[in-house]
């Protein structure tokens, strides 16, 4: 069974997220998609070339907190510590090998998508965060903050839920998801940006409500 067949919607959304990020970054630097083998084994989606510097990134889209949720939740993200996708099994159906998750891959940075931004975090900082803030090695079947969680098959990966604000605190860079590249790395600037975005949304909502009321009055 191919990965795309097995994971369906998640895989399609992942490809869409990667394309959006690559399109934005290509306005600033040279972006090269990795081979399927590098993607699967090393957990690297793209190589980025800016001036004389080369870096590697793994892109993660915003996800639902629970499969039953109607919409994705950008206030949290899941860090994959172990992955057993496409691993041979024994006669009992148990994996013969455990692959490390993307947290222990070879990408220099992990890119986390939110509704408004891309949060760029050094992968090694995530490793340190897990060692310091997530010491409990027990695996839970219910998702809890900072706890190792394993959903039932066909998604046997082990992940740890973290808050997006924690990713922001350890971020190397924050980039606007708008069509133009805007670096809002400074945390205070990010807060200003979020307030500005909220204000724009409020003004748009008030404008739409006003227009709706005017149309109703005319009729």
Protein backbone atom coordinates (compact mmCIF):
# COMPACT_ATOMS: atom_id res chain seq x y z
CA UNK A 1 0.00 0.00 0.00
CA UNK A 2 1.42 3.41 -0.93
CA UNK A 3 1.77 6.11 1.71
CA UNK A 4 -0.72 8.30 -0.13
CA UNK A 5 -3.32 5.52 -0.13
CA UNK A 6 -2.77 4.77 3.55
CA UNK A 7 -2.80 8.30 4.92
CA UNK A 8 -5.13 9.92 2.38
CA UNK A 9 -6.18 13.44 3.38
CA UNK A 10 -3.17 14.04 5.67
CA UNK A 11 -0.73 13.31 2.85
CA UNK A 12 -2.58 15.55 0.35
CA UNK A 13 -2.65 18.43 2.84
CA UNK A 14 1.03 17.92 3.54
CA UNK A 15 1.89 18.31 -0.15
CA UNK A 16 -0.28 21.43 -0.40
CA UNK A 17 1.45 22.96 2.65
CA UNK A 18 4.90 22.23 1.22
CA UNK A 19 4.00 23.84 -2.12
CA UNK A 20 2.74 27.01 -0.41
CA UNK A 21 5.90 27.36 1.67
CA UNK A 22 8.18 26.69 -1.31
CA UNK A 23 6.34 29.25 -3.46
CA UNK A 24 6.78 31.94 -0.81
CA UNK A 25 10.44 31.19 -0.10
CA UNK A 26 11.33 31.05 -3.80
CA UNK A 27 10.76 34.83 -3.86
CA UNK A 28 13.67 35.22 -1.46
CA UNK A 29 16.04 32.34 -2.20
CA UNK A 30 16.63 29.26 -4.34
CA UNK A 31 14.45 26.35 -3.25
CA UNK A 32 15.17 22.74 -4.22
CA UNK A 33 12.81 19.87 -3.41
CA UNK A 34 14.59 16.81 -2.04
CA UNK A 35 14.33 13.31 -3.49
CA UNK A 36 11.71 10.94 -2.13
CA UNK A 37 14.46 8.91 -0.43
CA UNK A 38 15.90 11.96 1.39
CA UNK A 39 12.39 13.07 2.33
CA UNK A 40 11.50 9.68 3.84
CA UNK A 41 14.84 8.78 5.46
CA UNK A 42 16.28 12.15 6.49
CA UNK A 43 13.00 14.05 6.93
CA UNK A 44 14.13 16.95 4.75
CA UNK A 45 11.57 18.54 2.41
CA UNK A 46 13.67 21.31 0.87
CA UNK A 47 17.16 22.72 0.59
CA UNK A 48 17.26 26.51 0.69
CA UNK A 49 20.11 28.51 -0.85
CA UNK A 50 20.51 32.17 0.11
CA UNK A 51 23.69 33.94 -1.05
CA UNK A 52 26.48 31.56 0.02
CA UNK A 53 24.46 29.71 2.68
CA UNK A 54 22.65 26.39 2.35
CA UNK A 55 20.12 25.10 4.86
CA UNK A 56 17.58 22.28 5.05
CA UNK A 57 13.97 22.36 6.27
CA UNK A 58 11.11 20.01 7.05
CA UNK A 59 7.67 21.62 6.67
CA UNK A 60 4.76 20.81 9.00
CA UNK A 61 1.20 21.92 8.36
CA UNK A 62 -1.37 22.96 10.94
CA UNK A 63 -3.31 19.92 12.15
CA UNK A 64 -6.49 19.04 14.00
CA UNK A 65 -6.02 18.39 17.70
CA UNK A 66 -8.27 15.37 17.29
CA UNK A 67 -9.39 13.52 14.16
CA UNK A 68 -12.99 14.19 15.17
CA UNK A 69 -12.43 17.97 15.19
CA UNK A 70 -14.03 19.91 12.36
CA UNK A 71 -11.12 22.32 11.80
CA UNK A 72 -7.34 22.40 12.34
CA UNK A 73 -6.08 24.01 15.54
CA UNK A 74 -3.05 26.28 15.14
CA UNK A 75 -2.67 26.78 18.90
CA UNK A 76 -0.98 23.37 19.15
CA UNK A 77 1.41 21.19 17.14
CA UNK A 78 2.59 17.59 17.41
CA UNK A 79 6.29 16.64 17.49
CA UNK A 80 6.93 13.22 15.96
CA UNK A 81 9.47 11.30 18.05
CA UNK A 82 9.02 7.85 16.50
CA UNK A 83 7.69 6.74 13.14
CA UNK A 84 6.84 3.23 12.02
CA UNK A 85 5.39 4.04 8.61
CA UNK A 86 6.06 1.43 5.92
CA UNK A 87 8.03 -0.80 8.31
CA UNK A 88 7.87 -4.62 7.86
CA UNK A 89 5.95 -6.49 10.54
CA UNK A 90 6.31 -9.96 12.07
CA UNK A 91 3.63 -12.67 12.21
CA UNK A 92 2.01 -10.86 15.15
CA UNK A 93 1.76 -7.63 13.18
CA UNK A 94 4.44 -5.95 15.32
CA UNK A 95 6.97 -3.63 13.63
CA UNK A 96 10.38 -5.22 13.12
CA UNK A 97 12.08 -1.86 13.26
CA UNK A 98 11.32 1.51 14.80
CA UNK A 99 12.41 4.52 12.78
CA UNK A 100 13.06 7.78 14.55
CA UNK A 101 10.53 10.53 13.90
CA UNK A 102 11.28 13.79 12.13
CA UNK A 103 12.40 15.47 15.38
CA UNK A 104 15.48 13.23 15.12
CA UNK A 105 15.88 13.64 11.37
CA UNK A 106 18.57 15.63 9.56
CA UNK A 107 16.77 18.88 8.76
CA UNK A 108 18.41 21.96 10.26
CA UNK A 109 15.06 23.67 10.78
CA UNK A 110 11.45 22.55 11.23
CA UNK A 111 8.88 24.91 9.71
CA UNK A 112 5.53 25.01 11.54
CA UNK A 113 2.50 26.44 9.78
CA UNK A 114 -0.09 28.53 11.63
CA UNK A 115 -3.14 30.33 10.26
CA UNK A 116 -1.05 33.48 9.63
CA UNK A 117 2.61 32.53 9.76
CA UNK A 118 5.46 30.07 9.30
CA UNK A 119 7.43 29.47 12.51
CA UNK A 120 11.02 28.38 11.90
CA UNK A 121 12.58 26.42 14.77
CA UNK A 122 16.04 24.87 14.97
CA UNK A 123 15.43 21.12 15.17
CA UNK A 124 18.04 20.64 17.90
CA UNK A 125 16.10 23.08 20.10
CA UNK A 126 13.10 20.77 19.79
CA UNK A 127 15.26 17.83 20.88
CA UNK A 128 16.43 19.83 23.91
CA UNK A 129 12.85 20.87 24.66
CA UNK A 130 11.68 17.22 24.67
CA UNK A 131 14.54 16.16 26.96
CA UNK A 132 13.86 18.98 29.43
CA UNK A 133 10.09 19.43 29.30
CA UNK A 134 8.81 15.97 28.33
CA UNK A 135 10.63 13.46 30.59
CA UNK A 136 7.67 11.07 30.90
CA UNK A 137 8.44 8.13 28.55
CA UNK A 138 5.09 6.43 29.08
CA UNK A 139 2.95 6.23 25.91
CA UNK A 140 -0.66 7.40 26.25
CA UNK A 141 -3.64 6.61 24.03
CA UNK A 142 -5.19 9.99 24.83
CA UNK A 143 -3.44 13.16 23.69
CA UNK A 144 -2.04 15.26 26.55
CA UNK A 145 0.28 18.25 26.57
CA UNK A 146 3.97 17.23 26.77
CA UNK A 147 3.08 13.49 26.86
CA UNK A 148 3.98 10.79 24.32
CA UNK A 149 0.86 9.84 22.39
CA UNK A 150 0.11 7.02 19.97
CA UNK A 151 -3.06 6.88 17.92
CA UNK A 152 -4.45 3.53 16.91
CA UNK A 153 -3.43 2.19 13.43
CA UNK A 154 -3.07 3.14 10.61
CA UNK A 155 -1.27 6.04 12.35
CA UNK A 156 1.13 4.30 14.76
CA UNK A 157 3.59 7.20 15.07
CA UNK A 158 4.46 8.44 18.55
CA UNK A 159 4.05 12.19 18.97
CA UNK A 160 4.17 14.84 21.69
CA UNK A 161 1.67 17.71 21.78
CA UNK A 162 3.11 21.17 22.40
CA UNK A 163 1.62 24.64 22.40
CA UNK A 164 2.40 26.88 19.44
CA UNK A 165 3.40 29.66 21.81
CA UNK A 166 6.21 27.40 23.03
CA UNK A 167 7.44 27.05 19.44
CA UNK A 168 7.31 30.84 19.06
CA UNK A 169 9.46 31.27 22.18
CA UNK A 170 12.20 29.02 20.78
CA UNK A 171 11.83 30.16 17.15
CA UNK A 172 14.70 31.31 14.95
CA UNK A 173 12.40 33.17 12.58
CA UNK A 174 8.71 33.92 12.02
CA UNK A 175 7.48 34.63 8.51
CA UNK A 176 4.15 36.05 7.38
CA UNK A 177 2.13 33.64 5.22
CA UNK A 178 1.08 36.58 3.06
CA UNK A 179 2.13 36.57 -0.61
CA UNK A 180 5.17 38.68 0.23
CA UNK A 181 8.04 37.63 2.50
CA UNK A 182 7.85 39.50 5.81
CA UNK A 183 10.24 38.50 8.60
CA UNK A 184 8.67 39.20 12.00
CA UNK A 185 11.23 37.29 14.06
CA UNK A 186 11.25 39.65 17.03
CA UNK A 187 8.67 38.37 19.55
CA UNK A 188 7.40 41.88 20.35
CA UNK A 189 6.94 42.55 16.63
CA UNK A 190 5.09 39.25 16.33
CA UNK A 191 2.68 40.30 19.08
CA UNK A 192 2.15 43.63 17.32
CA UNK A 193 1.56 41.74 14.08
CA UNK A 194 -1.07 39.46 15.70
CA UNK A 195 -2.85 42.48 17.21
CA UNK A 196 -2.80 44.21 13.81
CA UNK A 197 -4.18 41.08 12.12
CA UNK A 198 -6.94 40.79 14.73
CA UNK A 199 -7.82 44.45 14.20
CA UNK A 200 -7.98 44.00 10.43
CA UNK A 201 -10.27 41.00 10.87
CA UNK A 202 -12.52 42.92 13.27
CA UNK A 203 -12.74 45.87 10.86
CA UNK A 204 -13.53 43.53 7.97
CA UNK A 205 -16.28 41.82 10.00
CA UNK A 206 -17.83 45.17 11.00
CA UNK A 207 -17.68 46.33 7.38
CA UNK A 208 -19.43 43.17 6.16
CA UNK A 209 -22.10 43.47 8.85
CA UNK A 210 -22.67 47.12 7.91
CA UNK A 211 -23.02 46.24 4.22
CA UNK A 212 -25.43 43.42 5.06
CA UNK A 213 -27.56 45.78 7.17
CA UNK A 214 -27.61 48.41 4.38
CA UNK A 215 -28.73 45.82 1.83
CA UNK A 216 -31.48 44.61 4.17
CA UNK A 217 -32.69 48.21 4.69
CA UNK A 218 -32.80 48.84 0.96
CA UNK A 219 -34.93 45.76 0.42
